[in-house]
Amino acid sequence: MPAYFYILSGTEFLIAILLFYFLRKRSKMKQLHWHETQQLTRAIELNSAQIQKRKTALDTYQLMNYNLSEALLVQPEILSPN
């Protein structure tokens, strides 16, 4: 067989390996991005629920009749920095 055949097949093999590598890398990056997006979506949903809970509590709170400490709700899903 001619020498250029081996060069060509070697080049094609190298291109195939590089293509496989980059496609796999792209797939992993997409998967990582999807997981990070899901985590952020869950965090936004949790924060929205907490904001709504606080808004409801403050809407029903009458400043003239109650102590401020009675209006504050304990929210166990919020981690303390301690």
C-alpha atoms as a PDB file:
ATOM      1  CA  MET A   1       0.000   0.000   0.000  1.00  0.00           C
ATOM      2  CA  PRO A   2       1.182   3.527  -0.662  1.00  0.00           C
ATOM      3  CA  ALA A   3       2.628   5.591   2.168  1.00  0.00           C
ATOM      4  CA  TYR A   4       0.000   8.306   1.799  1.00  0.00           C
ATOM      5  CA  PHE A   5      -2.671   5.715   2.671  1.00  0.00           C
ATOM      6  CA  TYR A   6      -1.133   5.228   6.124  1.00  0.00           C
ATOM      7  CA  ILE A   7      -0.800   8.967   6.623  1.00  0.00           C
ATOM      8  CA  LEU A   8      -4.407   9.496   5.596  1.00  0.00           C
ATOM      9  CA  SER A   9      -5.754   6.694   7.770  1.00  0.00           C
ATOM     10  CA  GLY A  10      -3.654   7.922  10.704  1.00  0.00           C
ATOM     11  CA  THR A  11      -5.029  11.416  10.228  1.00  0.00           C
ATOM     12  CA  GLU A  12      -8.580  10.099  10.059  1.00  0.00           C
ATOM     13  CA  PHE A  13      -7.982   8.082  13.220  1.00  0.00           C
ATOM     14  CA  LEU A  14      -6.636  11.155  15.025  1.00  0.00           C
ATOM     15  CA  ILE A  15      -9.628  13.234  13.880  1.00  0.00           C
ATOM     16  CA  ALA A  16     -12.004  10.521  15.100  1.00  0.00           C
ATOM     17  CA  ILE A  17     -10.314  10.422  18.515  1.00  0.00           C
ATOM     18  CA  LEU A  18     -10.424  14.222  18.841  1.00  0.00           C
ATOM     19  CA  LEU A  19     -14.055  14.308  17.737  1.00  0.00           C
ATOM     20  CA  PHE A  20     -14.966  11.645  20.293  1.00  0.00           C
ATOM     21  CA  TYR A  21     -13.072  13.524  23.030  1.00  0.00           C
ATOM     22  CA  PHE A  22     -14.741  16.862  22.338  1.00  0.00           C
ATOM     23  CA  LEU A  23     -18.219  15.374  21.977  1.00  0.00           C
ATOM     24  CA  ARG A  24     -17.820  13.587  25.298  1.00  0.00           C
ATOM     25  CA  LYS A  25     -16.462  16.738  26.955  1.00  0.00           C
ATOM     26  CA  ARG A  26     -19.411  18.736  25.578  1.00  0.00           C
ATOM     27  CA  SER A  27     -21.872  16.164  26.891  1.00  0.00           C
ATOM     28  CA  LYS A  28     -20.347  16.296  30.384  1.00  0.00           C
ATOM     29  CA  MET A  29     -20.422  20.098  30.365  1.00  0.00           C
ATOM     30  CA  LYS A  30     -24.097  20.079  29.339  1.00  0.00           C
ATOM     31  CA  GLN A  31     -24.909  17.623  32.125  1.00  0.00           C
ATOM     32  CA  LEU A  32     -23.043  19.732  34.701  1.00  0.00           C
ATOM     33  CA  HIS A  33     -24.839  22.870  33.504  1.00  0.00           C
ATOM     34  CA  TRP A  34     -28.210  21.101  33.752  1.00  0.00           C
ATOM     35  CA  HIS A  35     -27.511  20.011  37.355  1.00  0.00           C
ATOM     36  CA  GLU A  36     -26.377  23.494  38.375  1.00  0.00           C
ATOM     37  CA  THR A  37     -29.467  25.004  36.747  1.00  0.00           C
ATOM     38  CA  GLN A  38     -31.713  22.578  38.629  1.00  0.00           C
ATOM     39  CA  GLN A  39     -30.051  23.462  41.945  1.00  0.00           C
ATOM     40  CA  LEU A  40     -30.491  27.171  41.284  1.00  0.00           C
ATOM     41  CA  THR A  41     -34.130  26.642  40.292  1.00  0.00           C
ATOM     42  CA  ARG A  42     -34.803  24.761  43.530  1.00  0.00           C
ATOM     43  CA  ALA A  43     -33.093  27.514  45.540  1.00  0.00           C
ATOM     44  CA  ILE A  44     -35.197  30.182  43.817  1.00  0.00           C
ATOM     45  CA  GLU A  45     -38.385  28.215  44.499  1.00  0.00           C
ATOM     46  CA  LEU A  46     -37.459  27.828  48.171  1.00  0.00           C
ATOM     47  CA  ASN A  47     -36.652  31.529  48.485  1.00  0.00           C
ATOM     48  CA  SER A  48     -39.913  32.481  46.785  1.00  0.00           C
ATOM     49  CA  ALA A  49     -41.851  30.287  49.202  1.00  0.00           C
ATOM     50  CA  GLN A  50     -40.065  31.890  52.160  1.00  0.00           C
ATOM     51  CA  ILE A  51     -40.782  35.382  50.849  1.00  0.00           C
ATOM     52  CA  GLN A  52     -44.455  34.514  50.403  1.00  0.00           C
ATOM     53  CA  LYS A  53     -44.598  33.041  53.914  1.00  0.00           C
ATOM     54  CA  ARG A  54     -43.052  36.198  55.381  1.00  0.00           C
ATOM     55  CA  LYS A  55     -45.344  38.455  53.356  1.00  0.00           C
ATOM     56  CA  THR A  56     -48.427  36.562  54.541  1.00  0.00           C
ATOM     57  CA  ALA A  57     -47.280  36.768  58.161  1.00  0.00           C
ATOM     58  CA  LEU A  58     -46.565  40.485  57.910  1.00  0.00           C
ATOM     59  CA  ASP A  59     -49.880  41.156  56.141  1.00  0.00           C
ATOM     60  CA  THR A  60     -51.786  39.546  59.000  1.00  0.00           C
ATOM     61  CA  TYR A  61     -49.670  41.238  61.656  1.00  0.00           C
ATOM     62  CA  GLN A  62     -51.181  44.243  63.376  1.00  0.00           C
ATOM     63  CA  LEU A  63     -48.419  46.434  64.735  1.00  0.00           C
ATOM     64  CA  MET A  64     -50.600  48.149  67.314  1.00  0.00           C
ATOM     65  CA  ASN A  65     -51.884  44.948  68.960  1.00  0.00           C
ATOM     66  CA  TYR A  66     -48.954  42.523  69.057  1.00  0.00           C
ATOM     67  CA  ASN A  67     -45.315  42.341  69.940  1.00  0.00           C
ATOM     68  CA  LEU A  68     -42.938  42.098  66.972  1.00  0.00           C
ATOM     69  CA  SER A  69     -41.498  38.778  68.191  1.00  0.00           C
ATOM     70  CA  GLU A  70     -44.909  37.142  67.775  1.00  0.00           C
ATOM     71  CA  ALA A  71     -44.951  37.934  64.060  1.00  0.00           C
ATOM     72  CA  LEU A  72     -41.595  36.398  63.275  1.00  0.00           C
ATOM     73  CA  LEU A  73     -41.810  32.836  62.019  1.00  0.00           C
ATOM     74  CA  VAL A  74     -39.221  30.170  62.638  1.00  0.00           C
ATOM     75  CA  GLN A  75     -38.091  28.821  59.287  1.00  0.00           C
ATOM     76  CA  PRO A  76     -36.091  25.618  59.826  1.00  0.00           C
ATOM     77  CA  GLU A  77     -35.032  25.426  56.171  1.00  0.00           C
ATOM     78  CA  ILE A  78     -32.815  28.492  56.673  1.00  0.00           C
ATOM     79  CA  LEU A  79     -29.428  27.389  57.956  1.00  0.00           C
ATOM     80  CA  SER A  80     -27.813  29.569  60.581  1.00  0.00           C
ATOM     81  CA  PRO A  81     -24.224  30.656  59.931  1.00  0.00           C
ATOM     82  CA  ASN A  82     -23.083  29.250  63.289  1.00  0.00           C
END
